[in-house]
Amino acid sequence: MSYRTIRFANDGGLAHITLARADHANALDVTMARELMEATIACDEDPSVRAVLLDSEGKLFCAGGDLATFAQAGEGLSKLLKELTVYLHAAISRLVRMRAPVVAAVQGHAAGAGFSLAAACDLVLAASSARFTMAYTRAGLVPDGSSTYFLPRLIGRRRTLELMITNRTLSAAEAVEWGLANRVLADDQLAAEAEKLARELAQGPTGAYGAVKRVVLRSESETLESQMEIEARAIADAARGADGQEGIRAFLEKRPPRFTGS
């Protein structure tokens, strides 16, 4: 499939999604949202995909929604936003729920929907140049892209409201301190380190990674006892699988495991 606003490739089990509207600060329009949905569904449906790397072209990760496109919509803006969020939210749902771990590499500004998109990924590596800001209320809008779900869980209600109401900008170091990113890297090291991490994950026990994502996602809505039952079933299922068996054998034989992602 050909894309206009993103680049997408699967290289040896590593799916690589790149936001490719650098001349528009990688801002989201309906086309990009739809293509992100299509690419994430392709990742979710392809059993050979064992990790996903999400990054962007240019100096910015994503400036959020394309406000110029919004302005051009006139009285049709509400309809346009409902269409855009259908695609964007479907893409985020696939990223969160697919078994493959998703690594985001963020440089420059991650604003609005760009911030939301990064927050929904499993691991986030930030360049020292990275800046994170909600920016929605600055334009008289309300956050979307799952940020009202994930941010309170990642950083708590108070800090979430501070970001969404005051539009405070976080540096890369602050994003790590707050729990919104995992590591800060020099700008010239970000791409290589993000790909290295994603490729390492693509060699891992993909089924177990997917189970970890599902179990953690459910934890907010379960009681202690029900969550422990979910854990018990998940580890038992993993132990029955080929990768679970291989991991145990490799540990006992004191050798690196050879996971197949099954």
Protein backbone atom coordinates (compact mmCIF):
# COMPACT_ATOMS: atom_id res chain seq x y z
CA MET A 1 0.00 0.00 0.00
CA SER A 2 1.27 3.48 -0.82
CA TYR A 3 1.01 6.34 1.69
CA ARG A 4 1.07 10.11 1.27
CA THR A 5 1.72 11.36 4.81
CA ILE A 6 3.61 8.51 6.49
CA ARG A 7 6.26 5.97 5.57
CA PHE A 8 5.70 2.35 6.52
CA ALA A 9 7.92 -0.72 6.19
CA ASN A 10 8.39 -4.11 7.83
CA ASP A 11 12.05 -5.09 8.02
CA GLY A 12 12.73 -8.46 9.58
CA GLY A 13 9.88 -8.23 12.06
CA LEU A 14 10.43 -4.57 12.90
CA ALA A 15 7.60 -2.41 11.59
CA HIS A 16 8.69 1.19 11.09
CA ILE A 17 6.06 3.96 10.97
CA THR A 18 7.37 7.44 10.20
CA LEU A 19 5.31 10.63 10.27
CA ALA A 20 6.25 12.26 6.98
CA ARG A 21 4.72 15.73 6.75
CA ALA A 22 7.87 17.56 7.78
CA ASP A 23 6.89 20.58 5.68
CA HIS A 24 3.76 20.85 7.87
CA ALA A 25 5.54 20.08 11.18
CA ASN A 26 4.14 16.54 10.90
CA ALA A 27 0.76 17.94 11.93
CA LEU A 28 -2.17 15.53 11.79
CA ASP A 29 -4.79 15.95 9.12
CA VAL A 30 -7.50 13.47 8.16
CA THR A 31 -5.24 11.76 5.63
CA MET A 32 -2.45 11.18 8.14
CA ALA A 33 -4.88 9.92 10.78
CA ARG A 34 -6.41 7.48 8.29
CA GLU A 35 -3.00 6.28 7.12
CA LEU A 36 -1.86 5.78 10.71
CA MET A 37 -4.95 3.65 11.26
CA GLU A 38 -4.20 1.60 8.15
CA ALA A 39 -0.56 1.08 9.13
CA THR A 40 -1.35 0.08 12.69
CA ILE A 41 -4.00 -2.38 11.53
CA ALA A 42 -1.42 -3.84 9.14
CA CYS A 43 0.96 -4.27 12.09
CA ASP A 44 -1.74 -5.85 14.23
CA GLU A 45 -2.76 -8.29 11.50
CA ASP A 46 0.74 -9.36 10.45
CA PRO A 47 2.12 -12.13 12.72
CA SER A 48 5.64 -11.39 11.48
CA VAL A 49 5.60 -7.95 13.17
CA ARG A 50 7.33 -8.31 16.53
CA ALA A 51 8.06 -4.67 17.38
CA VAL A 52 7.01 -1.26 16.09
CA LEU A 53 9.12 1.90 15.88
CA LEU A 54 7.22 5.19 15.58
CA ASP A 55 9.23 8.25 14.61
CA SER A 56 9.07 11.28 12.35
CA GLU A 57 10.90 13.19 9.65
CA GLY A 58 12.33 16.65 10.20
CA LYS A 59 13.04 18.62 13.34
CA LEU A 60 9.67 18.09 15.04
CA PHE A 61 7.95 14.91 16.15
CA CYS A 62 4.40 16.21 15.64
CA ALA A 63 2.90 19.68 16.11
CA GLY A 64 -0.54 18.22 16.85
CA GLY A 65 -3.61 18.77 14.72
CA ASP A 66 -3.26 20.69 11.47
CA LEU A 67 -4.93 23.95 12.53
CA ALA A 68 -4.64 25.38 9.03
CA THR A 69 -6.77 22.51 7.74
CA PHE A 70 -9.16 23.04 10.62
CA ALA A 71 -9.58 26.71 9.73
CA GLN A 72 -10.28 25.85 6.09
CA ALA A 73 -13.09 23.50 7.13
CA GLY A 74 -15.25 26.42 8.22
CA GLU A 75 -18.64 25.28 9.48
CA GLY A 76 -17.67 21.70 8.66
CA LEU A 77 -14.94 21.64 11.32
CA SER A 78 -16.96 19.62 13.83
CA LYS A 79 -17.62 16.95 11.20
CA LEU A 80 -13.95 16.94 10.17
CA LEU A 81 -12.79 16.48 13.77
CA LYS A 82 -15.18 13.59 14.32
CA GLU A 83 -13.79 11.89 11.21
CA LEU A 84 -10.17 12.59 12.18
CA THR A 85 -10.61 11.25 15.72
CA VAL A 86 -12.28 8.07 14.42
CA TYR A 87 -9.08 7.28 12.50
CA LEU A 88 -6.65 8.56 15.14
CA HIS A 89 -8.35 6.73 17.99
CA ALA A 90 -8.50 3.51 15.98
CA ALA A 91 -4.75 3.81 15.33
CA ILE A 92 -4.00 4.38 19.01
CA SER A 93 -6.23 1.49 20.04
CA ARG A 94 -4.24 -0.82 17.75
CA LEU A 95 -0.89 0.47 19.05
CA VAL A 96 -1.97 -0.10 22.64
CA ARG A 97 -3.60 -3.49 22.13
CA MET A 98 -1.34 -5.17 19.57
CA ARG A 99 1.04 -7.76 20.98
CA ALA A 100 4.14 -6.07 19.51
CA PRO A 101 5.79 -3.50 21.80
CA VAL A 102 5.78 0.04 20.40
CA VAL A 103 8.79 2.35 20.75
CA ALA A 104 8.41 6.08 20.07
CA ALA A 105 11.42 8.22 19.15
CA VAL A 106 10.63 11.87 19.88
CA GLN A 107 12.66 14.86 18.76
CA GLY A 108 11.68 18.51 18.80
CA HIS A 109 8.13 19.32 19.81
CA ALA A 110 5.51 16.69 20.59
CA ALA A 111 2.47 18.94 20.90
CA GLY A 112 -1.24 18.24 21.12
CA ALA A 113 -2.04 14.99 19.35
CA GLY A 114 1.71 14.40 18.99
CA PHE A 115 2.02 14.37 22.77
CA SER A 116 -1.05 12.11 22.98
CA LEU A 117 0.41 9.71 20.42
CA ALA A 118 3.72 9.44 22.29
CA ALA A 119 1.93 8.90 25.62
CA ALA A 120 0.07 5.92 24.16
CA CYS A 121 3.27 4.13 23.11
CA ASP A 122 4.87 1.48 25.31
CA LEU A 123 8.37 2.98 25.50
CA VAL A 124 9.44 6.54 24.69
CA LEU A 125 12.97 7.68 23.89
CA ALA A 126 13.39 11.45 23.78
CA ALA A 127 16.10 13.51 22.15
CA SER A 128 17.55 16.25 24.32
CA SER A 129 15.76 18.70 22.00
CA ALA A 130 12.35 17.14 22.73
CA ARG A 131 9.62 19.28 24.25
CA PHE A 132 6.21 18.02 25.36
CA THR A 133 3.15 20.27 25.56
CA MET A 134 -0.59 19.66 25.39
CA ALA A 135 -1.40 22.96 23.62
CA TYR A 136 -5.08 22.12 23.07
CA THR A 137 -6.65 24.79 25.30
CA ARG A 138 -4.30 27.38 23.82
CA ALA A 139 -6.45 27.00 20.70
CA GLY A 140 -9.67 26.73 22.69
CA LEU A 141 -9.85 22.98 22.16
CA VAL A 142 -9.97 19.87 24.38
CA PRO A 143 -7.41 17.03 24.43
CA ASP A 144 -8.01 13.89 22.35
CA GLY A 145 -5.90 10.96 21.18
CA SER A 146 -6.26 9.03 24.47
CA SER A 147 -4.34 11.63 26.52
CA THR A 148 -7.16 12.07 29.05
CA TYR A 149 -6.95 8.30 29.64
CA PHE A 150 -3.20 7.73 29.74
CA LEU A 151 -1.85 10.91 31.32
CA PRO A 152 -3.73 10.59 34.64
CA ARG A 153 -2.51 7.00 34.86
CA LEU A 154 1.07 7.94 34.02
CA ILE A 155 1.49 11.14 36.02
CA GLY A 156 -1.62 11.62 38.18
CA ARG A 157 -4.60 13.95 38.03
CA ARG A 158 -2.93 17.13 39.32
CA ARG A 159 -0.07 17.08 36.86
CA THR A 160 -2.40 16.11 34.02
CA LEU A 161 -4.63 19.08 34.72
CA GLU A 162 -1.60 21.35 34.93
CA LEU A 163 -0.43 20.25 31.50
CA MET A 164 -3.88 20.46 29.93
CA ILE A 165 -5.01 23.74 31.48
CA THR A 166 -1.79 25.77 31.60
CA ASN A 167 -0.11 24.21 28.54
CA ARG A 168 3.14 23.93 30.46
CA THR A 169 6.00 22.71 28.27
CA LEU A 170 8.15 19.90 29.61
CA SER A 171 11.76 19.41 28.60
CA ALA A 172 12.99 15.94 27.73
CA ALA A 173 14.55 15.60 31.19
CA GLU A 174 11.30 16.68 32.86
CA ALA A 175 9.36 14.19 30.75
CA VAL A 176 11.57 11.39 32.09
CA GLU A 177 11.26 12.71 35.65
CA TRP A 178 7.45 12.80 35.33
CA GLY A 179 7.25 9.31 33.84
CA LEU A 180 6.31 10.36 30.30
CA ALA A 181 9.54 9.17 28.68
CA ASN A 182 12.05 6.45 29.48
CA ARG A 183 15.36 7.95 28.43
CA VAL A 184 16.94 11.14 27.10
CA LEU A 185 19.47 10.81 24.31
CA ALA A 186 21.60 13.22 22.33
CA ASP A 187 19.79 14.30 19.19
CA ASP A 188 22.34 12.61 16.94
CA GLN A 189 21.96 9.33 18.85
CA LEU A 190 18.16 9.12 19.00
CA ALA A 191 17.46 7.37 15.69
CA ALA A 192 20.16 4.73 16.14
CA GLU A 193 19.31 4.00 19.78
CA ALA A 194 15.57 3.81 19.10
CA GLU A 195 16.13 1.37 16.22
CA LYS A 196 18.54 -0.68 18.34
CA LEU A 197 15.97 -0.99 21.12
CA ALA A 198 13.14 -1.83 18.72
CA ARG A 199 15.24 -4.50 16.98
CA GLU A 200 16.17 -6.06 20.30
CA LEU A 201 12.48 -6.23 21.19
CA ALA A 202 11.72 -7.75 17.77
CA GLN A 203 13.92 -10.71 18.78
CA GLY A 204 12.11 -11.21 22.06
CA PRO A 205 9.10 -13.25 23.25
CA THR A 206 6.44 -11.29 21.38
CA GLY A 207 3.53 -13.22 22.86
CA ALA A 208 4.76 -12.51 26.39
CA TYR A 209 5.18 -8.83 25.54
CA GLY A 210 1.60 -8.71 24.28
CA ALA A 211 0.36 -10.41 27.44
CA VAL A 212 2.25 -7.88 29.58
CA LYS A 213 0.56 -5.04 27.69
CA ARG A 214 -2.88 -6.58 28.18
CA VAL A 215 -2.40 -7.34 31.86
CA VAL A 216 -1.06 -3.89 32.70
CA LEU A 217 -3.81 -2.19 30.70
CA ARG A 218 -6.48 -4.07 32.68
CA SER A 219 -4.95 -3.38 36.08
CA GLU A 220 -6.61 0.01 36.56
CA SER A 221 -10.12 -1.46 36.44
CA GLU A 222 -9.61 -4.70 38.39
CA THR A 223 -9.60 -5.58 42.07
CA LEU A 224 -6.44 -7.04 43.61
CA GLU A 225 -7.83 -10.58 43.53
CA SER A 226 -9.17 -10.37 39.97
CA GLN A 227 -5.87 -8.88 38.76
CA MET A 228 -3.92 -11.71 40.38
CA GLU A 229 -6.18 -14.22 38.64
CA ILE A 230 -5.46 -12.48 35.33
CA GLU A 231 -1.74 -12.71 36.13
CA ALA A 232 -2.00 -16.42 36.97
CA ARG A 233 -3.76 -17.21 33.70
CA ALA A 234 -1.34 -15.08 31.68
CA ILE A 235 1.80 -16.72 33.06
CA ALA A 236 0.29 -20.20 32.66
CA ASP A 237 -0.62 -19.44 29.03
CA ALA A 238 2.89 -18.11 28.37
CA ALA A 239 4.48 -21.21 29.93
CA ARG A 240 2.50 -23.42 27.52
CA GLY A 241 3.79 -21.54 24.52
CA ALA A 242 6.90 -22.25 22.47
CA ASP A 243 8.68 -19.10 23.64
CA GLY A 244 7.94 -19.86 27.28
CA GLN A 245 9.34 -23.36 26.89
CA GLU A 246 12.38 -22.02 25.05
CA GLY A 247 13.02 -19.36 27.67
CA ILE A 248 13.00 -21.89 30.50
CA ARG A 249 15.29 -24.29 28.60
CA ALA A 250 17.70 -21.50 27.72
CA PHE A 251 17.92 -20.39 31.34
CA LEU A 252 18.66 -23.91 32.56
CA GLU A 253 21.16 -24.52 29.74
CA LYS A 254 22.85 -21.16 30.42
CA ARG A 255 22.51 -19.91 26.83
CA PRO A 256 20.72 -17.03 25.12
CA PRO A 257 17.13 -17.89 24.25
CA ARG A 258 16.05 -18.17 20.60
CA PHE A 259 12.55 -16.77 20.61
CA THR A 260 10.33 -17.12 17.56
CA GLY A 261 7.51 -14.82 18.61
CA SER A 262 5.02 -17.69 18.75
